[in-house]
C-alpha atoms as a PDB file:
ATOM      1  CA  MET A   1     -12.529 -25.949  51.672  1.00  0.00           C
ATOM      2  CA  PRO A   2     -10.771 -24.771  48.520  1.00  0.00           C
ATOM      3  CA  THR A   3     -12.680 -23.163  46.050  1.00  0.00           C
ATOM      4  CA  VAL A   4     -12.413 -24.693  42.750  1.00  0.00           C
ATOM      5  CA  LEU A   5     -12.753 -22.206  39.727  1.00  0.00           C
ATOM      6  CA  ALA A   6     -15.470 -23.315  37.533  1.00  0.00           C
ATOM      7  CA  LEU A   7     -15.536 -22.276  33.648  1.00  0.00           C
ATOM      8  CA  THR A   8     -17.794 -23.237  31.345  1.00  0.00           C
ATOM      9  CA  ASP A   9     -17.707 -23.587  27.266  1.00  0.00           C
ATOM     10  CA  ALA A  10     -19.346 -20.555  26.979  1.00  0.00           C
ATOM     11  CA  GLN A  11     -16.517 -18.489  28.824  1.00  0.00           C
ATOM     12  CA  ILE A  12     -13.670 -20.185  27.359  1.00  0.00           C
ATOM     13  CA  SER A  13     -15.609 -19.406  23.587  1.00  0.00           C
ATOM     14  CA  THR A  14     -16.089 -15.588  24.837  1.00  0.00           C
ATOM     15  CA  TRP A  15     -12.391 -15.379  25.840  1.00  0.00           C
ATOM     16  CA  VAL A  16     -10.854 -16.863  23.075  1.00  0.00           C
ATOM     17  CA  ALA A  17     -12.906 -14.962  20.520  1.00  0.00           C
ATOM     18  CA  SER A  18     -12.156 -11.574  22.225  1.00  0.00           C
ATOM     19  CA  PHE A  19      -8.578 -12.570  21.506  1.00  0.00           C
ATOM     20  CA  MET A  20      -8.479 -14.691  18.252  1.00  0.00           C
ATOM     21  CA  LEU A  21     -10.386 -12.527  16.398  1.00  0.00           C
ATOM     22  CA  PRO A  22      -9.239  -9.171  16.380  1.00  0.00           C
ATOM     23  CA  LEU A  23      -5.839 -11.358  15.994  1.00  0.00           C
ATOM     24  CA  PHE A  24      -6.651 -12.364  12.441  1.00  0.00           C
ATOM     25  CA  ARG A  25      -7.562  -9.103  11.486  1.00  0.00           C
ATOM     26  CA  VAL A  26      -4.703  -7.407  12.738  1.00  0.00           C
ATOM     27  CA  ALA A  27      -2.177  -9.701  11.055  1.00  0.00           C
ATOM     28  CA  ALA A  28      -4.187  -9.433   8.075  1.00  0.00           C
ATOM     29  CA  VAL A  29      -3.466  -5.918   7.898  1.00  0.00           C
ATOM     30  CA  LEU A  30       0.563  -6.266   8.930  1.00  0.00           C
ATOM     31  CA  MET A  31       0.781  -9.182   6.430  1.00  0.00           C
ATOM     32  CA  THR A  32      -0.488  -6.922   3.321  1.00  0.00           C
ATOM     33  CA  MET A  33       0.052  -3.420   4.207  1.00  0.00           C
ATOM     34  CA  PRO A  34       3.744  -1.684   2.888  1.00  0.00           C
ATOM     35  CA  ILE A  35       6.177  -1.450   4.833  1.00  0.00           C
ATOM     36  CA  PHE A  36       5.377  -3.822   7.389  1.00  0.00           C
ATOM     37  CA  GLY A  37       4.162  -6.696   5.179  1.00  0.00           C
ATOM     38  CA  THR A  38       7.244  -6.638   2.986  1.00  0.00           C
ATOM     39  CA  THR A  39       9.789  -9.472   2.901  1.00  0.00           C
ATOM     40  CA  LEU A  40      12.307  -7.277   4.135  1.00  0.00           C
ATOM     41  CA  VAL A  41       9.986  -8.120   7.741  1.00  0.00           C
ATOM     42  CA  SER A  42      10.213 -11.204   8.357  1.00  0.00           C
ATOM     43  CA  THR A  43       6.696 -13.372   8.932  1.00  0.00           C
ATOM     44  CA  ARG A  44       8.120 -14.233  12.746  1.00  0.00           C
ATOM     45  CA  ILE A  45       8.422 -10.584  13.142  1.00  0.00           C
ATOM     46  CA  ARG A  46       4.850  -9.461  11.775  1.00  0.00           C
ATOM     47  CA  LEU A  47       3.272 -12.062  13.712  1.00  0.00           C
ATOM     48  CA  TYR A  48       4.865 -10.869  16.953  1.00  0.00           C
ATOM     49  CA  PHE A  49       3.677  -7.087  16.069  1.00  0.00           C
ATOM     50  CA  SER A  50       0.039  -8.811  15.172  1.00  0.00           C
ATOM     51  CA  LEU A  51       0.266 -10.567  18.985  1.00  0.00           C
ATOM     52  CA  ALA A  52       1.420  -7.181  21.142  1.00  0.00           C
ATOM     53  CA  ILE A  53      -1.212  -4.795  18.327  1.00  0.00           C
ATOM     54  CA  THR A  54      -3.867  -7.248  19.661  1.00  0.00           C
ATOM     55  CA  VAL A  55      -3.121  -7.443  23.316  1.00  0.00           C
ATOM     56  CA  VAL A  56      -2.904  -3.457  23.742  1.00  0.00           C
ATOM     57  CA  ILE A  57      -6.075  -2.811  21.684  1.00  0.00           C
ATOM     58  CA  ALA A  58      -8.697  -5.923  22.829  1.00  0.00           C
ATOM     59  CA  PRO A  59      -9.822  -4.394  25.992  1.00  0.00           C
ATOM     60  CA  SER A  60     -10.690  -1.250  24.520  1.00  0.00           C
ATOM     61  CA  LEU A  61     -12.734  -3.528  21.774  1.00  0.00           C
ATOM     62  CA  PRO A  62     -16.977  -3.622  21.747  1.00  0.00           C
ATOM     63  CA  PRO A  63     -17.848  -7.029  22.560  1.00  0.00           C
ATOM     64  CA  MET A  64     -16.935 -10.099  20.212  1.00  0.00           C
ATOM     65  CA  PRO A  65     -19.879 -13.035  19.404  1.00  0.00           C
ATOM     66  CA  GLU A  66     -19.462 -16.137  20.548  1.00  0.00           C
ATOM     67  CA  VAL A  67     -17.826 -18.645  19.032  1.00  0.00           C
ATOM     68  CA  HIS A  68     -17.551 -22.164  18.888  1.00  0.00           C
ATOM     69  CA  ALA A  69     -13.822 -23.486  17.868  1.00  0.00           C
ATOM     70  CA  LEU A  70     -15.784 -26.613  15.820  1.00  0.00           C
ATOM     71  CA  ASP A  71     -18.200 -24.455  14.064  1.00  0.00           C
ATOM     72  CA  LEU A  72     -18.698 -23.487  10.647  1.00  0.00           C
ATOM     73  CA  SER A  73     -19.289 -20.191  11.659  1.00  0.00           C
ATOM     74  CA  ALA A  74     -16.115 -19.834  13.581  1.00  0.00           C
ATOM     75  CA  LEU A  75     -14.356 -20.469  10.242  1.00  0.00           C
ATOM     76  CA  LEU A  76     -16.852 -17.933   8.427  1.00  0.00           C
ATOM     77  CA  LEU A  77     -16.033 -15.117  11.074  1.00  0.00           C
ATOM     78  CA  ILE A  78     -12.025 -15.695  10.494  1.00  0.00           C
ATOM     79  CA  ALA A  79     -12.462 -15.673   6.939  1.00  0.00           C
ATOM     80  CA  GLU A  80     -14.264 -12.406   7.207  1.00  0.00           C
ATOM     81  CA  GLN A  81     -11.509 -10.985   9.521  1.00  0.00           C
ATOM     82  CA  ILE A  82      -8.805 -12.436   7.054  1.00  0.00           C
ATOM     83  CA  ILE A  83     -10.643 -10.656   3.913  1.00  0.00           C
ATOM     84  CA  ILE A  84     -11.147  -7.198   5.559  1.00  0.00           C
ATOM     85  CA  GLY A  85      -8.086  -6.863   7.192  1.00  0.00           C
ATOM     86  CA  ALA A  86      -6.405  -7.958   3.643  1.00  0.00           C
ATOM     87  CA  MET A  87      -8.652  -5.243   2.072  1.00  0.00           C
ATOM     88  CA  LEU A  88      -7.064  -2.428   3.942  1.00  0.00           C
ATOM     89  CA  GLY A  89      -3.850  -3.213   3.428  1.00  0.00           C
ATOM     90  CA  LEU A  90      -4.083  -3.888  -0.388  1.00  0.00           C
ATOM     91  CA  SER A  91      -5.826  -0.539  -0.205  1.00  0.00           C
ATOM     92  CA  LEU A  92      -2.738   1.264   0.944  1.00  0.00           C
ATOM     93  CA  GLN A  93      -0.637  -0.787  -1.549  1.00  0.00           C
ATOM     94  CA  LEU A  94      -2.603   0.760  -4.103  1.00  0.00           C
ATOM     95  CA  PHE A  95      -1.258   4.195  -3.110  1.00  0.00           C
ATOM     96  CA  PHE A  96       2.609   3.042  -2.801  1.00  0.00           C
ATOM     97  CA  GLN A  97       2.372   1.081  -5.937  1.00  0.00           C
ATOM     98  CA  SER A  98       0.992   4.157  -7.659  1.00  0.00           C
ATOM     99  CA  PHE A  99       4.924   5.704  -7.090  1.00  0.00           C
ATOM    100  CA  VAL A 100       6.127   2.840  -8.925  1.00  0.00           C
ATOM    101  CA  VAL A 101       4.356   3.073 -11.728  1.00  0.00           C
ATOM    102  CA  ALA A 102       5.019   6.308 -12.244  1.00  0.00           C
ATOM    103  CA  GLY A 103       9.337   5.447 -11.883  1.00  0.00           C
ATOM    104  CA  GLN A 104       8.303   2.645 -14.719  1.00  0.00           C
ATOM    105  CA  ILE A 105       6.667   4.995 -16.870  1.00  0.00           C
ATOM    106  CA  LEU A 106       9.541   7.988 -16.419  1.00  0.00           C
ATOM    107  CA  SER A 107      12.379   5.420 -16.495  1.00  0.00           C
ATOM    108  CA  ILE A 108      10.790   3.803 -20.288  1.00  0.00           C
ATOM    109  CA  GLN A 109      10.358   7.315 -21.519  1.00  0.00           C
ATOM    110  CA  MET A 110      13.733   8.563 -20.948  1.00  0.00           C
ATOM    111  CA  GLY A 111      15.621   5.432 -21.936  1.00  0.00           C
ATOM    112  CA  MET A 112      16.299   3.750 -18.588  1.00  0.00           C
ATOM    113  CA  GLY A 113      13.778   0.743 -18.960  1.00  0.00           C
ATOM    114  CA  PHE A 114      16.948  -1.469 -19.225  1.00  0.00           C
ATOM    115  CA  ALA A 115      18.341  -0.432 -15.877  1.00  0.00           C
ATOM    116  CA  SER A 116      16.526  -2.477 -13.229  1.00  0.00           C
ATOM    117  CA  MET A 117      17.401  -4.208  -9.561  1.00  0.00           C
ATOM    118  CA  VAL A 118      16.072  -6.191  -7.422  1.00  0.00           C
ATOM    119  CA  ASP A 119      13.416  -4.932  -5.298  1.00  0.00           C
ATOM    120  CA  PRO A 120      13.941  -6.300  -1.874  1.00  0.00           C
ATOM    121  CA  THR A 121      10.648  -5.347  -0.552  1.00  0.00           C
ATOM    122  CA  ASN A 122       8.619  -7.822  -3.387  1.00  0.00           C
ATOM    123  CA  GLY A 123      11.931  -9.423  -4.733  1.00  0.00           C
ATOM    124  CA  VAL A 124      11.142  -8.815  -8.081  1.00  0.00           C
ATOM    125  CA  SER A 125      13.197  -6.318 -11.009  1.00  0.00           C
ATOM    126  CA  VAL A 126      11.821  -3.353 -11.042  1.00  0.00           C
ATOM    127  CA  ALA A 127      13.237  -0.145 -12.689  1.00  0.00           C
ATOM    128  CA  VAL A 128      15.783   2.018 -10.768  1.00  0.00           C
ATOM    129  CA  ILE A 129      13.801   5.215 -10.626  1.00  0.00           C
ATOM    130  CA  GLY A 130      10.718   3.169  -9.818  1.00  0.00           C
ATOM    131  CA  GLN A 131      12.703   1.756  -6.565  1.00  0.00           C
ATOM    132  CA  PHE A 132      13.818   5.188  -6.085  1.00  0.00           C
ATOM    133  CA  PHE A 133      10.520   6.367  -5.738  1.00  0.00           C
ATOM    134  CA  THR A 134       9.465   3.661  -3.806  1.00  0.00           C
ATOM    135  CA  MET A 135      12.255   4.362  -0.957  1.00  0.00           C
ATOM    136  CA  LEU A 136      10.826   8.392  -1.187  1.00  0.00           C
ATOM    137  CA  VAL A 137       7.165   7.748  -0.660  1.00  0.00           C
ATOM    138  CA  THR A 138       8.392   5.018   2.138  1.00  0.00           C
ATOM    139  CA  LEU A 139      10.099   7.870   4.225  1.00  0.00           C
ATOM    140  CA  LEU A 140       7.453  10.220   3.071  1.00  0.00           C
ATOM    141  CA  PHE A 141       4.620   8.197   4.352  1.00  0.00           C
ATOM    142  CA  LEU A 142       6.545   7.102   7.561  1.00  0.00           C
ATOM    143  CA  ALA A 143       7.190  11.150   8.499  1.00  0.00           C
ATOM    144  CA  MET A 144       3.848  12.324   8.104  1.00  0.00           C
ATOM    145  CA  ASN A 145       2.975   9.362  10.773  1.00  0.00           C
ATOM    146  CA  GLY A 146       0.763   7.537   8.078  1.00  0.00           C
ATOM    147  CA  HIS A 147       1.241   4.312   9.728  1.00  0.00           C
ATOM    148  CA  LEU A 148       0.043   5.884  13.041  1.00  0.00           C
ATOM    149  CA  VAL A 149      -3.270   6.895  11.206  1.00  0.00           C
ATOM    150  CA  VAL A 150      -3.665   2.991   9.543  1.00  0.00           C
ATOM    151  CA  PHE A 151      -3.195   1.641  12.658  1.00  0.00           C
ATOM    152  CA  GLU A 152      -5.924   4.377  14.257  1.00  0.00           C
ATOM    153  CA  VAL A 153      -8.532   3.440  11.315  1.00  0.00           C
ATOM    154  CA  LEU A 154      -7.697  -0.675  12.133  1.00  0.00           C
ATOM    155  CA  VAL A 155      -8.765   0.087  15.322  1.00  0.00           C
ATOM    156  CA  GLU A 156     -11.790   2.142  14.619  1.00  0.00           C
ATOM    157  CA  SER A 157     -12.621  -0.755  12.181  1.00  0.00           C
ATOM    158  CA  PHE A 158     -13.944  -3.007  15.212  1.00  0.00           C
ATOM    159  CA  THR A 159     -16.374  -0.254  15.926  1.00  0.00           C
ATOM    160  CA  THR A 160     -17.456   0.816  12.588  1.00  0.00           C
ATOM    161  CA  LEU A 161     -17.302  -2.684  11.122  1.00  0.00           C
ATOM    162  CA  PRO A 162     -17.871  -4.933  13.895  1.00  0.00           C
ATOM    163  CA  VAL A 163     -17.171  -8.660  14.019  1.00  0.00           C
ATOM    164  CA  GLY A 164     -19.732 -10.784  12.533  1.00  0.00           C
ATOM    165  CA  SER A 165     -21.438  -7.666  10.294  1.00  0.00           C
ATOM    166  CA  GLY A 166     -20.889  -9.147   7.043  1.00  0.00           C
ATOM    167  CA  ILE A 167     -18.754  -7.485   4.196  1.00  0.00           C
ATOM    168  CA  ASP A 168     -20.731  -5.484   1.440  1.00  0.00           C
ATOM    169  CA  PRO A 169     -19.708  -6.575  -1.761  1.00  0.00           C
ATOM    170  CA  GLY A 170     -19.309  -2.690  -3.221  1.00  0.00           C
ATOM    171  CA  GLN A 171     -16.574  -2.413  -0.722  1.00  0.00           C
ATOM    172  CA  LEU A 172     -14.527  -4.789  -2.485  1.00  0.00           C
ATOM    173  CA  TRP A 173     -15.582  -3.533  -6.080  1.00  0.00           C
ATOM    174  CA  GLU A 174     -14.453   0.143  -5.211  1.00  0.00           C
ATOM    175  CA  VAL A 175     -11.511  -1.590  -4.343  1.00  0.00           C
ATOM    176  CA  VAL A 176     -11.096  -3.091  -8.011  1.00  0.00           C
ATOM    177  CA  GLY A 177     -12.305   0.528  -8.736  1.00  0.00           C
ATOM    178  CA  ARG A 178      -8.886   1.829  -7.629  1.00  0.00           C
ATOM    179  CA  VAL A 179      -6.640   0.303 -10.280  1.00  0.00           C
ATOM    180  CA  GLY A 180      -7.533   2.964 -12.924  1.00  0.00           C
ATOM    181  CA  TRP A 181      -6.796   5.327 -10.311  1.00  0.00           C
ATOM    182  CA  LEU A 182      -3.770   3.853  -9.630  1.00  0.00           C
ATOM    183  CA  LEU A 183      -2.593   3.841 -13.255  1.00  0.00           C
ATOM    184  CA  GLY A 184      -3.915   7.751 -13.463  1.00  0.00           C
ATOM    185  CA  ALA A 185      -2.352   9.127 -10.190  1.00  0.00           C
ATOM    186  CA  GLY A 186       0.921   7.627 -11.271  1.00  0.00           C
ATOM    187  CA  LEU A 187       0.409   8.871 -14.960  1.00  0.00           C
ATOM    188  CA  LEU A 188      -0.316  12.376 -13.485  1.00  0.00           C
ATOM    189  CA  LEU A 189       2.968  12.087 -10.886  1.00  0.00           C
ATOM    190  CA  VAL A 190       5.389  12.427 -14.107  1.00  0.00           C
ATOM    191  CA  LEU A 191       3.179  14.156 -16.587  1.00  0.00           C
ATOM    192  CA  PRO A 192       5.412  17.585 -16.574  1.00  0.00           C
ATOM    193  CA  ALA A 193       8.616  14.901 -16.770  1.00  0.00           C
ATOM    194  CA  ILE A 194       6.999  12.984 -19.823  1.00  0.00           C
ATOM    195  CA  THR A 195       6.184  16.388 -21.338  1.00  0.00           C
ATOM    196  CA  ALA A 196       9.410  17.641 -21.077  1.00  0.00           C
ATOM    197  CA  LEU A 197      10.983  14.296 -22.698  1.00  0.00           C
ATOM    198  CA  LEU A 198       8.707  14.764 -25.175  1.00  0.00           C
ATOM    199  CA  VAL A 199       9.628  18.653 -26.464  1.00  0.00           C
ATOM    200  CA  VAL A 200      13.563  17.058 -26.299  1.00  0.00           C
ATOM    201  CA  SER A 201      12.373  13.680 -28.406  1.00  0.00           C
ATOM    202  CA  VAL A 202      10.579  16.505 -30.921  1.00  0.00           C
ATOM    203  CA  ALA A 203      13.652  18.519 -31.030  1.00  0.00           C
ATOM    204  CA  PHE A 204      16.083  15.553 -31.749  1.00  0.00           C
ATOM    205  CA  GLY A 205      13.455  14.595 -34.657  1.00  0.00           C
ATOM    206  CA  VAL A 206      13.704  18.240 -36.346  1.00  0.00           C
ATOM    207  CA  MET A 207      17.523  18.300 -36.069  1.00  0.00           C
ATOM    208  CA  THR A 208      17.695  15.010 -37.782  1.00  0.00           C
ATOM    209  CA  ARG A 209      15.722  16.355 -40.785  1.00  0.00           C
ATOM    210  CA  ALA A 210      18.109  19.381 -40.718  1.00  0.00           C
ATOM    211  CA  ALA A 211      21.222  17.498 -40.276  1.00  0.00           C
ATOM    212  CA  PRO A 212      20.731  13.913 -41.797  1.00  0.00           C
ATOM    213  CA  GLN A 213      24.454  13.504 -41.360  1.00  0.00           C
ATOM    214  CA  LEU A 214      24.321  13.301 -37.395  1.00  0.00           C
ATOM    215  CA  ASN A 215      24.288  10.072 -35.878  1.00  0.00           C
ATOM    216  CA  MET A 216      20.975  10.540 -33.508  1.00  0.00           C
ATOM    217  CA  PHE A 217      21.688   6.788 -31.669  1.00  0.00           C
ATOM    218  CA  SER A 218      24.879   7.946 -30.511  1.00  0.00           C
ATOM    219  CA  ILE A 219      24.052  11.466 -29.553  1.00  0.00           C
ATOM    220  CA  GLY A 220      20.115  11.575 -28.902  1.00  0.00           C
ATOM    221  CA  ILE A 221      20.344   8.758 -26.631  1.00  0.00           C
ATOM    222  CA  PRO A 222      22.960   9.448 -23.894  1.00  0.00           C
ATOM    223  CA  LEU A 223      21.440  13.287 -23.895  1.00  0.00           C
ATOM    224  CA  THR A 224      17.827  12.207 -23.451  1.00  0.00           C
ATOM    225  CA  LEU A 225      19.305  10.331 -20.464  1.00  0.00           C
ATOM    226  CA  VAL A 226      20.630  13.482 -18.914  1.00  0.00           C
ATOM    227  CA  LEU A 227      18.246  15.436 -19.617  1.00  0.00           C
ATOM    228  CA  GLY A 228      15.929  13.193 -18.270  1.00  0.00           C
ATOM    229  CA  MET A 229      17.582  13.108 -15.029  1.00  0.00           C
ATOM    230  CA  VAL A 230      17.896  16.886 -14.768  1.00  0.00           C
ATOM    231  CA  ILE A 231      14.195  17.070 -15.277  1.00  0.00           C
ATOM    232  CA  MET A 232      13.703  14.433 -12.720  1.00  0.00           C
ATOM    233  CA  TRP A 233      15.644  16.316 -10.249  1.00  0.00           C
ATOM    234  CA  ILE A 234      13.819  19.436 -11.070  1.00  0.00           C
ATOM    235  CA  THR A 235      10.237  17.865 -10.384  1.00  0.00           C
ATOM    236  CA  LEU A 236      11.500  16.276  -7.211  1.00  0.00           C
ATOM    237  CA  GLY A 237      11.459  19.610  -5.448  1.00  0.00           C
ATOM    238  CA  ASP A 238       7.346  19.640  -6.166  1.00  0.00           C
ATOM    239  CA  ILE A 239       6.579  15.917  -4.639  1.00  0.00           C
ATOM    240  CA  LEU A 240       5.609  16.540  -1.251  1.00  0.00           C
ATOM    241  CA  ASN A 241       2.587  18.734  -3.016  1.00  0.00           C
ATOM    242  CA  GLN A 242       2.387  15.828  -5.163  1.00  0.00           C
ATOM    243  CA  PHE A 243       2.287  13.186  -2.378  1.00  0.00           C
ATOM    244  CA  GLN A 244      -0.204  14.825   0.161  1.00  0.00           C
ATOM    245  CA  PRO A 245      -3.277  14.375  -1.900  1.00  0.00           C
ATOM    246  CA  LEU A 246      -2.495  11.360  -2.927  1.00  0.00           C
ATOM    247  CA  ALA A 247      -1.671  10.101   0.662  1.00  0.00           C
ATOM    248  CA  VAL A 248      -5.217  11.716   1.764  1.00  0.00           C
ATOM    249  CA  ASN A 249      -7.328  10.392  -1.138  1.00  0.00           C
ATOM    250  CA  ALA A 250      -5.672   6.966   0.326  1.00  0.00           C
ATOM    251  CA  LEU A 251      -6.525   7.462   3.624  1.00  0.00           C
ATOM    252  CA  GLN A 252      -9.550   8.695   2.862  1.00  0.00           C
ATOM    253  CA  LEU A 253     -10.126   5.321   1.017  1.00  0.00           C
ATOM    254  CA  LEU A 254      -9.556   3.257   4.121  1.00  0.00           C
ATOM    255  CA  ARG A 255     -12.031   5.093   6.378  1.00  0.00           C
ATOM    256  CA  SER A 256     -14.561   4.921   3.674  1.00  0.00           C
ATOM    257  CA  LEU A 257     -13.991   1.378   3.539  1.00  0.00           C
ATOM    258  CA  VAL A 258     -14.182   0.791   7.326  1.00  0.00           C
ATOM    259  CA  LYS A 259     -17.309   3.026   7.446  1.00  0.00           C
ATOM    260  CA  ALA A 260     -15.202   5.444   9.731  1.00  0.00           C
ATOM    261  CA  PRO A 261     -16.550   9.305  10.365  1.00  0.00           C
END
């Protein structure tokens, strides 16, 4: 007589929870983090990546709480995973946007604020120098295997911040507080170039007082633009030393958010 496989609702709920709950956290990270979370990567591809990563890491994750599909507790657990994943992705976005802010500040200072282009990753118009810094920091981040560190922190988060443990409001406030860090980091990145351009502007002001017949609008703007490009080219030689501490701080923030050692 053939053996009948009998499955209870509790067993089915446990199997579904062991895959679906991690999937929501992984998908939220991939939907909000830089590089993978941009419009250059379609939503379908990001979903496929989320499914593949979840299938790989699911066997090594700690036991998941029992979930009943029609209960309010299941929706609360799903919302918790989405918030945690979005918190990790948006925290990493702050690190990338600091370079965009640096490019915007430098563009305005050197007179290239009007030169903008469509950013294919976000679909908005940004300064050309800001877009250049975005591409530069993306390549540096991938070259230093920063994306692998992010995935490592994501997997560790299921142990240090297990499903159903709740969200500490202080963690959310920590992310909000990093907005000030964003502006400060963007300013520090281009502070040498801004200082040099300020000296150039003061020199043009002295020349205008000494020789009023010179048309500074026809001479100063092109010269400031050319000198700004030269200064930016010189300061790019030290971009790696500026990138490393910011990247370390951003990745340490991710670990502190999930309470990883």
